[in-house]
Amino acid sequence: GQTPVFPRIFGREAGGIVESVGEGVTDLAPGDHVLPVFTGECKECAHCKSAESNMCDLLRINTDRGVMIGDGKSRFSINGKPIYHFVGTSTFSEYTVMHVGCVAKINPAAPLDKVCVLSCGISTGLGATINVAKPPKGSTVAIFGLGAVGLAAAEGARIAGASRIIGIDLNANRFEEARKFGCTEFVNPKDHDKPVQQ
């Protein structure tokens, strides 16, 4: 960010179980299974009510804000000194405190150690393809990087009906797995000493 604050607890992808809720929270209850969402939704602003944007006026991603929105204070501390939050999630801790708009309730049967990637990687890649890029049926799509976000982007391109989905990665070991997500061909830049278009 522009003016990052430290010390802070990082982390933005996880799955968890609600231990308690604050005053006025009616959408969640102790015991609910949830995913953190670092680009939250207040459900009231123009962006939250739009089908074209998820950049909530209140809860949009803000890497510099290290405190809770309601009172401007951290919920973490050590020896009486604050430890700051990170993108409203701070999931690299056993317990965290989050704004209700940054928590998505999920089916308790879903295994938390598997669905945790839905809170960032999968939703980011799939959403970027289907909701932003919107590739027309039969189009050619290139995916740069075949990690969690890239594989989800490839799946989104497959769902959209792209005819060619080119996976690009420096690690050729990822290619076979990427084929399962829709990639039809692959490029490893390390295999070429000229620009690919040549």
N, C-alpha and C. Protein backbone atom coordinates (compact mmCIF):
# COMPACT_ATOMS: atom_id res chain seq x y z
N GLY A 1 0.81 -1.20 0.00
CA GLY A 1 0.00 0.00 0.00
C GLY A 1 0.85 1.26 0.00
N GLN A 2 0.19 2.40 0.01
CA GLN A 2 0.89 3.68 -0.01
C GLN A 2 1.55 3.99 1.33
N THR A 3 0.83 3.74 2.41
CA THR A 3 1.37 4.01 3.75
C THR A 3 1.08 2.81 4.65
N PRO A 4 1.78 1.70 4.43
CA PRO A 4 1.48 0.49 5.21
C PRO A 4 1.82 0.68 6.68
N VAL A 5 1.05 0.01 7.53
CA VAL A 5 1.27 0.07 8.96
C VAL A 5 1.77 -1.29 9.46
N PHE A 6 2.67 -1.25 10.42
CA PHE A 6 3.24 -2.46 11.01
C PHE A 6 3.35 -2.28 12.51
N PRO A 7 3.39 -3.33 13.29
CA PRO A 7 3.25 -4.73 12.86
C PRO A 7 1.80 -5.05 12.52
N ARG A 8 1.62 -6.04 11.66
CA ARG A 8 0.26 -6.44 11.27
C ARG A 8 0.21 -7.94 11.03
N ILE A 9 -0.99 -8.49 11.06
CA ILE A 9 -1.20 -9.90 10.80
C ILE A 9 -1.70 -10.02 9.36
N PHE A 10 -0.91 -10.68 8.51
CA PHE A 10 -1.28 -10.84 7.11
C PHE A 10 -2.30 -11.98 6.94
N GLY A 11 -2.62 -12.30 5.69
CA GLY A 11 -3.52 -13.39 5.37
C GLY A 11 -4.82 -12.89 4.80
N ARG A 12 -5.29 -13.53 3.68
CA ARG A 12 -6.53 -13.11 3.06
C ARG A 12 -7.31 -14.26 2.46
N GLU A 13 -6.88 -15.50 2.69
CA GLU A 13 -7.59 -16.65 2.15
C GLU A 13 -7.71 -17.68 3.25
N ALA A 14 -8.93 -18.08 3.59
CA ALA A 14 -9.12 -19.01 4.69
C ALA A 14 -10.56 -19.52 4.71
N GLY A 15 -10.81 -20.42 5.62
CA GLY A 15 -12.14 -20.86 5.95
C GLY A 15 -12.19 -20.92 7.47
N GLY A 16 -13.36 -20.69 8.05
CA GLY A 16 -13.42 -20.69 9.50
C GLY A 16 -14.81 -20.90 10.03
N ILE A 17 -14.90 -20.88 11.36
CA ILE A 17 -16.16 -21.06 12.07
C ILE A 17 -16.36 -19.85 12.98
N VAL A 18 -17.54 -19.25 12.91
CA VAL A 18 -17.84 -18.08 13.72
C VAL A 18 -17.86 -18.48 15.20
N GLU A 19 -17.08 -17.76 15.98
CA GLU A 19 -17.07 -18.01 17.42
C GLU A 19 -18.08 -17.11 18.14
N SER A 20 -18.15 -15.85 17.72
CA SER A 20 -19.11 -14.92 18.31
C SER A 20 -19.39 -13.82 17.31
N VAL A 21 -20.48 -13.08 17.54
CA VAL A 21 -20.84 -11.97 16.66
C VAL A 21 -21.05 -10.71 17.49
N GLY A 22 -20.83 -9.57 16.85
CA GLY A 22 -21.00 -8.29 17.52
C GLY A 22 -22.44 -7.85 17.55
N GLU A 23 -22.66 -6.80 18.29
CA GLU A 23 -24.00 -6.22 18.44
C GLU A 23 -24.57 -5.82 17.09
N GLY A 24 -25.80 -6.18 16.84
CA GLY A 24 -26.48 -5.81 15.60
C GLY A 24 -26.27 -6.77 14.45
N VAL A 25 -25.39 -7.76 14.59
CA VAL A 25 -25.15 -8.72 13.51
C VAL A 25 -26.26 -9.77 13.55
N THR A 26 -27.03 -9.86 12.47
CA THR A 26 -28.15 -10.81 12.42
C THR A 26 -27.97 -11.87 11.34
N ASP A 27 -27.01 -11.66 10.41
CA ASP A 27 -26.81 -12.60 9.30
C ASP A 27 -25.99 -13.81 9.70
N LEU A 28 -25.27 -13.73 10.81
CA LEU A 28 -24.39 -14.80 11.23
C LEU A 28 -24.64 -15.16 12.68
N ALA A 29 -24.29 -16.41 13.03
CA ALA A 29 -24.43 -16.86 14.41
C ALA A 29 -23.24 -17.75 14.76
N PRO A 30 -22.90 -17.86 16.03
CA PRO A 30 -21.82 -18.76 16.42
C PRO A 30 -22.06 -20.16 15.86
N GLY A 31 -21.00 -20.75 15.34
CA GLY A 31 -21.09 -22.08 14.74
C GLY A 31 -21.21 -22.07 13.23
N ASP A 32 -21.58 -20.93 12.64
CA ASP A 32 -21.67 -20.85 11.18
C ASP A 32 -20.30 -21.03 10.56
N HIS A 33 -20.26 -21.74 9.44
CA HIS A 33 -19.03 -21.88 8.67
C HIS A 33 -18.97 -20.73 7.67
N VAL A 34 -17.79 -20.14 7.53
CA VAL A 34 -17.67 -18.93 6.71
C VAL A 34 -16.36 -18.88 5.95
N LEU A 35 -16.36 -18.04 4.92
CA LEU A 35 -15.15 -17.68 4.19
C LEU A 35 -14.94 -16.18 4.33
N PRO A 36 -13.71 -15.74 4.58
CA PRO A 36 -13.44 -14.30 4.59
C PRO A 36 -13.41 -13.78 3.17
N VAL A 37 -13.82 -12.54 3.00
CA VAL A 37 -13.82 -11.90 1.69
C VAL A 37 -13.19 -10.53 1.85
N PHE A 38 -12.01 -10.30 1.26
CA PHE A 38 -11.33 -9.04 1.53
C PHE A 38 -11.89 -7.87 0.74
N THR A 39 -12.70 -8.12 -0.27
CA THR A 39 -13.46 -7.05 -0.92
C THR A 39 -14.90 -7.28 -0.51
N GLY A 40 -15.27 -6.73 0.64
CA GLY A 40 -16.57 -7.01 1.22
C GLY A 40 -17.71 -6.25 0.57
N GLU A 41 -18.90 -6.44 1.09
CA GLU A 41 -20.10 -5.79 0.58
C GLU A 41 -20.93 -5.26 1.74
N CYS A 42 -21.21 -3.96 1.70
CA CYS A 42 -22.09 -3.37 2.70
C CYS A 42 -23.56 -3.63 2.36
N LYS A 43 -23.81 -3.96 1.10
CA LYS A 43 -25.14 -4.25 0.54
C LYS A 43 -26.02 -3.01 0.39
N GLU A 44 -25.48 -1.83 0.68
CA GLU A 44 -26.28 -0.60 0.62
C GLU A 44 -25.81 0.40 -0.44
N CYS A 45 -24.51 0.45 -0.73
CA CYS A 45 -23.98 1.47 -1.63
C CYS A 45 -24.32 1.14 -3.09
N ALA A 46 -24.08 2.11 -3.98
CA ALA A 46 -24.39 1.93 -5.41
C ALA A 46 -23.61 0.77 -6.01
N HIS A 47 -22.36 0.59 -5.59
CA HIS A 47 -21.56 -0.51 -6.13
C HIS A 47 -22.12 -1.87 -5.72
N CYS A 48 -22.51 -2.01 -4.46
CA CYS A 48 -23.06 -3.27 -3.99
C CYS A 48 -24.40 -3.60 -4.67
N LYS A 49 -25.14 -2.58 -5.03
CA LYS A 49 -26.43 -2.80 -5.69
C LYS A 49 -26.30 -2.97 -7.20
N SER A 50 -25.10 -2.78 -7.73
CA SER A 50 -24.85 -2.89 -9.17
C SER A 50 -24.39 -4.30 -9.53
N ALA A 51 -24.80 -4.76 -10.69
CA ALA A 51 -24.32 -6.06 -11.19
C ALA A 51 -22.97 -5.92 -11.86
N GLU A 52 -22.48 -4.71 -12.03
CA GLU A 52 -21.25 -4.46 -12.77
C GLU A 52 -20.04 -4.14 -11.89
N SER A 53 -20.20 -4.08 -10.58
CA SER A 53 -19.08 -3.69 -9.73
C SER A 53 -19.14 -4.40 -8.39
N ASN A 54 -17.97 -4.65 -7.82
CA ASN A 54 -17.92 -5.19 -6.46
C ASN A 54 -17.00 -4.33 -5.60
N MET A 55 -16.84 -3.08 -5.95
CA MET A 55 -15.94 -2.19 -5.21
C MET A 55 -16.74 -1.35 -4.22
N CYS A 56 -17.23 -2.00 -3.20
CA CYS A 56 -18.06 -1.39 -2.16
C CYS A 56 -17.44 -0.09 -1.66
N ASP A 57 -18.26 0.94 -1.52
CA ASP A 57 -17.78 2.23 -1.01
C ASP A 57 -17.21 2.11 0.39
N LEU A 58 -17.77 1.23 1.20
CA LEU A 58 -17.33 1.08 2.59
C LEU A 58 -16.22 0.05 2.75
N LEU A 59 -16.33 -1.09 2.08
CA LEU A 59 -15.45 -2.23 2.35
C LEU A 59 -14.52 -2.61 1.21
N ARG A 60 -14.31 -1.72 0.26
CA ARG A 60 -13.40 -2.06 -0.83
C ARG A 60 -12.01 -2.34 -0.28
N ILE A 61 -11.24 -3.08 -1.03
CA ILE A 61 -9.90 -3.45 -0.56
C ILE A 61 -9.09 -2.18 -0.25
N ASN A 62 -8.49 -2.19 0.91
CA ASN A 62 -7.68 -1.05 1.35
C ASN A 62 -6.51 -1.63 2.13
N THR A 63 -5.36 -1.74 1.46
CA THR A 63 -4.21 -2.38 2.09
C THR A 63 -3.60 -1.54 3.19
N ASP A 64 -3.90 -0.25 3.22
CA ASP A 64 -3.32 0.63 4.24
C ASP A 64 -4.12 0.64 5.55
N ARG A 65 -5.43 0.44 5.46
CA ARG A 65 -6.24 0.49 6.67
C ARG A 65 -5.92 -0.72 7.54
N GLY A 66 -5.46 -0.48 8.72
CA GLY A 66 -5.08 -1.57 9.62
C GLY A 66 -5.98 -1.67 10.82
N VAL A 67 -7.16 -1.04 10.75
CA VAL A 67 -8.06 -1.00 11.90
C VAL A 67 -9.48 -1.31 11.45
N MET A 68 -10.36 -1.51 12.40
CA MET A 68 -11.76 -1.76 12.11
C MET A 68 -12.43 -0.46 11.67
N ILE A 69 -13.39 -0.57 10.78
CA ILE A 69 -14.06 0.61 10.22
C ILE A 69 -14.91 1.32 11.27
N GLY A 70 -15.62 0.57 12.10
CA GLY A 70 -16.57 1.16 13.03
C GLY A 70 -15.97 2.15 14.02
N ASP A 71 -14.80 1.81 14.58
CA ASP A 71 -14.23 2.68 15.61
C ASP A 71 -12.78 3.07 15.36
N GLY A 72 -12.21 2.63 14.23
CA GLY A 72 -10.84 3.01 13.91
C GLY A 72 -9.79 2.39 14.81
N LYS A 73 -10.12 1.27 15.46
CA LYS A 73 -9.18 0.62 16.37
C LYS A 73 -8.89 -0.80 15.92
N SER A 74 -7.72 -1.29 16.30
CA SER A 74 -7.34 -2.67 16.02
C SER A 74 -7.97 -3.59 17.05
N ARG A 75 -8.18 -4.83 16.66
CA ARG A 75 -8.68 -5.84 17.60
C ARG A 75 -7.56 -6.78 18.04
N PHE A 76 -6.34 -6.53 17.57
CA PHE A 76 -5.19 -7.35 17.95
C PHE A 76 -4.21 -6.51 18.75
N SER A 77 -3.53 -7.15 19.69
CA SER A 77 -2.49 -6.43 20.43
C SER A 77 -1.55 -7.43 21.07
N ILE A 78 -0.39 -6.93 21.46
CA ILE A 78 0.57 -7.71 22.22
C ILE A 78 1.26 -6.76 23.19
N ASN A 79 1.28 -7.14 24.43
CA ASN A 79 1.87 -6.31 25.48
C ASN A 79 1.29 -4.89 25.47
N GLY A 80 -0.01 -4.78 25.20
CA GLY A 80 -0.67 -3.49 25.22
C GLY A 80 -0.48 -2.63 23.99
N LYS A 81 0.29 -3.11 23.01
CA LYS A 81 0.52 -2.34 21.79
C LYS A 81 -0.27 -2.97 20.64
N PRO A 82 -0.86 -2.14 19.77
CA PRO A 82 -1.70 -2.69 18.70
C PRO A 82 -0.90 -3.45 17.64
N ILE A 83 -1.51 -4.50 17.15
CA ILE A 83 -1.06 -5.19 15.95
C ILE A 83 -2.16 -4.93 14.94
N TYR A 84 -1.80 -4.48 13.75
CA TYR A 84 -2.81 -4.00 12.80
C TYR A 84 -3.36 -5.12 11.91
N HIS A 85 -4.54 -4.86 11.40
CA HIS A 85 -5.24 -5.78 10.50
C HIS A 85 -4.66 -5.66 9.08
N PHE A 86 -5.01 -6.62 8.24
CA PHE A 86 -4.60 -6.61 6.83
C PHE A 86 -5.81 -6.92 5.97
N VAL A 87 -6.12 -6.06 5.02
CA VAL A 87 -7.25 -6.13 4.09
C VAL A 87 -8.54 -6.64 4.75
N GLY A 88 -8.73 -6.29 5.98
CA GLY A 88 -9.96 -6.63 6.68
C GLY A 88 -10.12 -8.09 7.02
N THR A 89 -9.07 -8.90 6.85
CA THR A 89 -9.21 -10.34 7.10
C THR A 89 -8.20 -10.87 8.13
N SER A 90 -6.91 -10.61 7.94
CA SER A 90 -5.87 -11.09 8.87
C SER A 90 -6.04 -12.56 9.21
N THR A 91 -6.00 -13.41 8.20
CA THR A 91 -6.28 -14.83 8.40
C THR A 91 -5.08 -15.67 8.80
N PHE A 92 -3.90 -15.09 8.90
CA PHE A 92 -2.74 -15.86 9.37
C PHE A 92 -2.72 -15.89 10.90
N SER A 93 -3.86 -16.04 11.50
CA SER A 93 -3.96 -16.15 12.94
C SER A 93 -5.04 -17.19 13.26
N GLU A 94 -4.98 -17.73 14.45
CA GLU A 94 -5.96 -18.74 14.82
C GLU A 94 -7.36 -18.13 14.94
N TYR A 95 -7.41 -16.88 15.40
CA TYR A 95 -8.66 -16.14 15.53
C TYR A 95 -8.48 -14.80 14.84
N THR A 96 -9.55 -14.28 14.26
CA THR A 96 -9.50 -12.96 13.66
C THR A 96 -10.84 -12.27 13.90
N VAL A 97 -10.88 -10.97 13.71
CA VAL A 97 -12.10 -10.20 13.86
C VAL A 97 -12.35 -9.50 12.54
N MET A 98 -13.56 -9.66 12.01
CA MET A 98 -13.87 -9.13 10.69
C MET A 98 -15.21 -8.41 10.69
N HIS A 99 -15.33 -7.45 9.77
CA HIS A 99 -16.61 -6.79 9.52
C HIS A 99 -17.56 -7.82 8.93
N VAL A 100 -18.83 -7.81 9.33
CA VAL A 100 -19.79 -8.80 8.85
C VAL A 100 -19.90 -8.81 7.33
N GLY A 101 -19.66 -7.66 6.69
CA GLY A 101 -19.73 -7.58 5.23
C GLY A 101 -18.57 -8.26 4.53
N CYS A 102 -17.57 -8.68 5.29
CA CYS A 102 -16.39 -9.36 4.73
C CYS A 102 -16.40 -10.85 5.07
N VAL A 103 -17.58 -11.38 5.36
CA VAL A 103 -17.72 -12.78 5.72
C VAL A 103 -18.86 -13.38 4.90
N ALA A 104 -18.60 -14.51 4.24
CA ALA A 104 -19.63 -15.19 3.46
C ALA A 104 -19.95 -16.53 4.13
N LYS A 105 -21.20 -16.71 4.47
CA LYS A 105 -21.65 -17.95 5.10
C LYS A 105 -21.67 -19.06 4.05
N ILE A 106 -21.18 -20.25 4.43
CA ILE A 106 -21.15 -21.39 3.50
C ILE A 106 -21.80 -22.61 4.14
N ASN A 107 -22.01 -23.62 3.35
CA ASN A 107 -22.58 -24.87 3.82
C ASN A 107 -21.61 -25.53 4.80
N PRO A 108 -22.08 -25.91 5.99
CA PRO A 108 -21.17 -26.50 6.97
C PRO A 108 -20.62 -27.86 6.55
N ALA A 109 -21.21 -28.49 5.54
CA ALA A 109 -20.69 -29.77 5.06
C ALA A 109 -19.43 -29.59 4.20
N ALA A 110 -19.20 -28.38 3.72
CA ALA A 110 -18.03 -28.13 2.86
C ALA A 110 -16.76 -28.17 3.71
N PRO A 111 -15.76 -28.95 3.30
CA PRO A 111 -14.52 -29.05 4.09
C PRO A 111 -13.72 -27.74 4.03
N LEU A 112 -13.50 -27.13 5.19
CA LEU A 112 -12.85 -25.82 5.25
C LEU A 112 -11.46 -25.83 4.63
N ASP A 113 -10.73 -26.94 4.74
CA ASP A 113 -9.38 -26.99 4.19
C ASP A 113 -9.37 -27.06 2.66
N LYS A 114 -10.53 -27.31 2.06
CA LYS A 114 -10.64 -27.34 0.60
C LYS A 114 -11.28 -26.06 0.07
N VAL A 115 -12.38 -25.64 0.69
CA VAL A 115 -13.12 -24.49 0.16
C VAL A 115 -12.45 -23.16 0.50
N CYS A 116 -11.41 -23.18 1.32
CA CYS A 116 -10.73 -21.93 1.67
C CYS A 116 -10.24 -21.19 0.43
N VAL A 117 -9.87 -21.91 -0.63
CA VAL A 117 -9.38 -21.24 -1.85
C VAL A 117 -10.49 -20.48 -2.57
N LEU A 118 -11.75 -20.74 -2.22
CA LEU A 118 -12.85 -19.99 -2.81
C LEU A 118 -12.88 -18.55 -2.31
N SER A 119 -12.27 -18.29 -1.15
CA SER A 119 -12.34 -16.94 -0.58
C SER A 119 -11.44 -15.96 -1.31
N CYS A 120 -10.56 -16.44 -2.17
CA CYS A 120 -9.72 -15.51 -2.94
C CYS A 120 -9.40 -16.07 -4.32
N GLY A 121 -8.55 -17.08 -4.39
CA GLY A 121 -8.01 -17.55 -5.66
C GLY A 121 -9.06 -17.95 -6.69
N ILE A 122 -9.98 -18.80 -6.29
CA ILE A 122 -10.97 -19.30 -7.25
C ILE A 122 -11.95 -18.20 -7.65
N SER A 123 -12.48 -17.48 -6.68
CA SER A 123 -13.45 -16.43 -7.01
C SER A 123 -12.81 -15.32 -7.84
N THR A 124 -11.55 -15.02 -7.57
CA THR A 124 -10.85 -13.97 -8.32
C THR A 124 -10.66 -14.38 -9.78
N GLY A 125 -10.12 -15.56 -10.02
CA GLY A 125 -9.86 -16.01 -11.39
C GLY A 125 -11.13 -16.23 -12.19
N LEU A 126 -12.08 -16.95 -11.60
CA LEU A 126 -13.34 -17.22 -12.30
C LEU A 126 -14.10 -15.92 -12.54
N GLY A 127 -14.17 -15.08 -11.52
CA GLY A 127 -14.89 -13.81 -11.66
C GLY A 127 -14.25 -12.88 -12.68
N ALA A 128 -12.91 -12.84 -12.71
CA ALA A 128 -12.23 -11.96 -13.67
C ALA A 128 -12.55 -12.38 -15.11
N THR A 129 -12.64 -13.68 -15.34
CA THR A 129 -12.94 -14.15 -16.69
C THR A 129 -14.41 -13.95 -17.05
N ILE A 130 -15.29 -14.46 -16.22
CA ILE A 130 -16.72 -14.44 -16.55
C ILE A 130 -17.33 -13.04 -16.43
N ASN A 131 -16.96 -12.30 -15.39
CA ASN A 131 -17.61 -11.02 -15.13
C ASN A 131 -16.91 -9.80 -15.71
N VAL A 132 -15.60 -9.90 -15.97
CA VAL A 132 -14.84 -8.74 -16.46
C VAL A 132 -14.40 -8.94 -17.90
N ALA A 133 -13.61 -9.97 -18.18
CA ALA A 133 -13.13 -10.20 -19.55
C ALA A 133 -14.28 -10.60 -20.48
N LYS A 134 -15.21 -11.39 -19.99
CA LYS A 134 -16.38 -11.84 -20.75
C LYS A 134 -16.01 -12.31 -22.16
N PRO A 135 -15.16 -13.34 -22.26
CA PRO A 135 -14.75 -13.78 -23.60
C PRO A 135 -15.93 -14.34 -24.40
N PRO A 136 -16.07 -13.90 -25.63
CA PRO A 136 -17.17 -14.42 -26.47
C PRO A 136 -16.95 -15.91 -26.79
N LYS A 137 -18.04 -16.61 -27.01
CA LYS A 137 -17.97 -18.03 -27.38
C LYS A 137 -17.09 -18.17 -28.62
N GLY A 138 -16.19 -19.15 -28.59
CA GLY A 138 -15.29 -19.40 -29.72
C GLY A 138 -14.02 -18.57 -29.71
N SER A 139 -13.84 -17.73 -28.72
CA SER A 139 -12.67 -16.83 -28.69
C SER A 139 -11.41 -17.55 -28.22
N THR A 140 -10.29 -16.88 -28.38
CA THR A 140 -8.99 -17.35 -27.89
C THR A 140 -8.63 -16.55 -26.66
N VAL A 141 -8.23 -17.25 -25.60
CA VAL A 141 -7.90 -16.63 -24.33
C VAL A 141 -6.50 -17.08 -23.91
N ALA A 142 -5.71 -16.15 -23.40
CA ALA A 142 -4.39 -16.49 -22.85
C ALA A 142 -4.44 -16.26 -21.35
N ILE A 143 -3.95 -17.23 -20.59
CA ILE A 143 -3.91 -17.15 -19.13
C ILE A 143 -2.45 -17.12 -18.72
N PHE A 144 -2.02 -16.03 -18.07
CA PHE A 144 -0.64 -15.88 -17.63
C PHE A 144 -0.51 -16.32 -16.18
N GLY A 145 0.12 -17.46 -15.96
CA GLY A 145 0.29 -18.01 -14.62
C GLY A 145 -0.80 -19.03 -14.32
N LEU A 146 -0.39 -20.24 -13.97
CA LEU A 146 -1.35 -21.32 -13.77
C LEU A 146 -1.39 -21.80 -12.31
N GLY A 147 -1.41 -20.83 -11.40
CA GLY A 147 -1.66 -21.13 -9.99
C GLY A 147 -3.16 -21.17 -9.78
N ALA A 148 -3.61 -20.99 -8.56
CA ALA A 148 -5.04 -21.07 -8.24
C ALA A 148 -5.86 -20.06 -9.05
N VAL A 149 -5.39 -18.81 -9.12
CA VAL A 149 -6.14 -17.78 -9.87
C VAL A 149 -6.16 -18.12 -11.36
N GLY A 150 -5.02 -18.51 -11.91
CA GLY A 150 -4.95 -18.84 -13.32
C GLY A 150 -5.80 -20.04 -13.71
N LEU A 151 -5.78 -21.07 -12.88
CA LEU A 151 -6.62 -22.24 -13.17
C LEU A 151 -8.10 -21.88 -13.13
N ALA A 152 -8.47 -21.04 -12.18
CA ALA A 152 -9.87 -20.60 -12.11
C ALA A 152 -10.23 -19.74 -13.32
N ALA A 153 -9.29 -18.92 -13.78
CA ALA A 153 -9.53 -18.11 -14.98
C ALA A 153 -9.71 -19.01 -16.20
N ALA A 154 -8.91 -20.08 -16.29
CA ALA A 154 -9.05 -21.03 -17.39
C ALA A 154 -10.42 -21.70 -17.34
N GLU A 155 -10.85 -22.08 -16.15
CA GLU A 155 -12.18 -22.68 -15.99
C GLU A 155 -13.27 -21.71 -16.42
N GLY A 156 -13.11 -20.44 -16.07
CA GLY A 156 -14.07 -19.43 -16.50
C GLY A 156 -14.11 -19.29 -18.01
N ALA A 157 -12.95 -19.34 -18.65
CA ALA A 157 -12.89 -19.26 -20.12
C ALA A 157 -13.56 -20.48 -20.75
N ARG A 158 -13.36 -21.65 -20.14
CA ARG A 158 -14.00 -22.87 -20.63
C ARG A 158 -15.52 -22.75 -20.51
N ILE A 159 -15.99 -22.29 -19.36
CA ILE A 159 -17.42 -22.12 -19.14
C ILE A 159 -18.01 -21.13 -20.14
N ALA A 160 -17.25 -20.07 -20.45
CA ALA A 160 -17.72 -19.05 -21.40
C ALA A 160 -17.72 -19.55 -22.84
N GLY A 161 -17.06 -20.69 -23.10
CA GLY A 161 -17.06 -21.26 -24.45
C GLY A 161 -15.88 -20.88 -25.32
N ALA A 162 -14.78 -20.44 -24.72
CA ALA A 162 -13.58 -20.13 -25.50
C ALA A 162 -13.11 -21.39 -26.22
N SER A 163 -12.68 -21.25 -27.46
CA SER A 163 -12.23 -22.42 -28.23
C SER A 163 -10.76 -22.73 -28.01
N ARG A 164 -9.96 -21.70 -27.78
CA ARG A 164 -8.53 -21.90 -27.48
C ARG A 164 -8.24 -21.21 -26.14
N ILE A 165 -7.67 -21.97 -25.23
CA ILE A 165 -7.28 -21.43 -23.93
C ILE A 165 -5.81 -21.76 -23.76
N ILE A 166 -4.99 -20.73 -23.90
CA ILE A 166 -3.53 -20.91 -23.89
C ILE A 166 -3.01 -20.63 -22.49
N GLY A 167 -2.47 -21.65 -21.85
CA GLY A 167 -1.89 -21.52 -20.52
C GLY A 167 -0.42 -21.16 -20.64
N ILE A 168 0.00 -20.10 -19.97
CA ILE A 168 1.37 -19.62 -20.03
C ILE A 168 1.97 -19.66 -18.63
N ASP A 169 3.05 -20.41 -18.48
CA ASP A 169 3.67 -20.53 -17.16
C ASP A 169 5.12 -20.95 -17.33
N LEU A 170 5.96 -20.52 -16.40
CA LEU A 170 7.37 -20.91 -16.40
C LEU A 170 7.58 -22.32 -15.87
N ASN A 171 6.55 -22.90 -15.25
CA ASN A 171 6.64 -24.24 -14.68
C ASN A 171 5.80 -25.20 -15.50
N ALA A 172 6.45 -25.98 -16.36
CA ALA A 172 5.75 -26.90 -17.25
C ALA A 172 5.04 -28.02 -16.48
N ASN A 173 5.41 -28.24 -15.23
CA ASN A 173 4.74 -29.27 -14.42
C ASN A 173 3.28 -28.93 -14.17
N ARG A 174 2.90 -27.69 -14.38
CA ARG A 174 1.51 -27.27 -14.15
C ARG A 174 0.61 -27.54 -15.35
N PHE A 175 1.17 -27.87 -16.49
CA PHE A 175 0.39 -27.96 -17.72
C PHE A 175 -0.65 -29.08 -17.69
N GLU A 176 -0.29 -30.25 -17.21
CA GLU A 176 -1.23 -31.37 -17.23
C GLU A 176 -2.46 -31.09 -16.36
N GLU A 177 -2.23 -30.53 -15.17
CA GLU A 177 -3.35 -30.18 -14.30
C GLU A 177 -4.21 -29.10 -14.95
N ALA A 178 -3.57 -28.14 -15.61
CA ALA A 178 -4.30 -27.04 -16.24
C ALA A 178 -5.20 -27.53 -17.37
N ARG A 179 -4.85 -28.64 -17.99
CA ARG A 179 -5.70 -29.21 -19.04
C ARG A 179 -7.08 -29.58 -18.47
N LYS A 180 -7.11 -30.03 -17.21
CA LYS A 180 -8.37 -30.39 -16.56
C LYS A 180 -9.27 -29.17 -16.35
N PHE A 181 -8.68 -27.98 -16.34
CA PHE A 181 -9.44 -26.75 -16.12
C PHE A 181 -9.77 -26.03 -17.43
N GLY A 182 -9.44 -26.66 -18.56
CA GLY A 182 -9.85 -26.09 -19.84
C GLY A 182 -8.73 -25.64 -20.76
N CYS A 183 -7.50 -25.57 -20.28
CA CYS A 183 -6.41 -25.15 -21.16
C CYS A 183 -6.26 -26.14 -22.31
N THR A 184 -6.14 -25.61 -23.52
CA THR A 184 -6.03 -26.46 -24.70
C THR A 184 -4.62 -26.53 -25.24
N GLU A 185 -3.79 -25.54 -24.87
CA GLU A 185 -2.39 -25.54 -25.30
C GLU A 185 -1.57 -24.70 -24.33
N PHE A 186 -0.26 -24.84 -24.44
CA PHE A 186 0.60 -24.24 -23.42
C PHE A 186 1.83 -23.59 -24.02
N VAL A 187 2.32 -22.57 -23.31
CA VAL A 187 3.57 -21.91 -23.68
C VAL A 187 4.39 -21.74 -22.41
N ASN A 188 5.64 -22.19 -22.47
CA ASN A 188 6.60 -21.93 -21.40
C ASN A 188 7.60 -20.93 -21.98
N PRO A 189 7.60 -19.68 -21.54
CA PRO A 189 8.50 -18.67 -22.10
C PRO A 189 9.97 -19.08 -22.06
N LYS A 190 10.33 -19.96 -21.12
CA LYS A 190 11.73 -20.39 -21.04
C LYS A 190 12.15 -21.25 -22.24
N ASP A 191 11.17 -21.76 -22.97
CA ASP A 191 11.46 -22.61 -24.13
C ASP A 191 11.75 -21.80 -25.38
N HIS A 192 11.68 -20.47 -25.31
CA HIS A 192 11.82 -19.62 -26.49
C HIS A 192 12.87 -18.55 -26.26
N ASP A 193 13.69 -18.30 -27.27
CA ASP A 193 14.66 -17.21 -27.14
C ASP A 193 14.26 -15.98 -27.97
N LYS A 194 13.07 -16.04 -28.57
CA LYS A 194 12.49 -14.91 -29.30
C LYS A 194 11.10 -14.67 -28.76
N PRO A 195 10.54 -13.49 -28.98
CA PRO A 195 9.14 -13.28 -28.56
C PRO A 195 8.23 -14.33 -29.19
N VAL A 196 7.24 -14.77 -28.44
CA VAL A 196 6.37 -15.88 -28.86
C VAL A 196 5.72 -15.60 -30.22
N GLN A 197 5.32 -14.36 -30.45
CA GLN A 197 4.64 -14.08 -31.73
C GLN A 197 5.54 -14.32 -32.94
N GLN A 198 6.84 -14.38 -32.75
CA GLN A 198 7.75 -14.68 -33.85
C GLN A 198 7.88 -16.18 -34.07
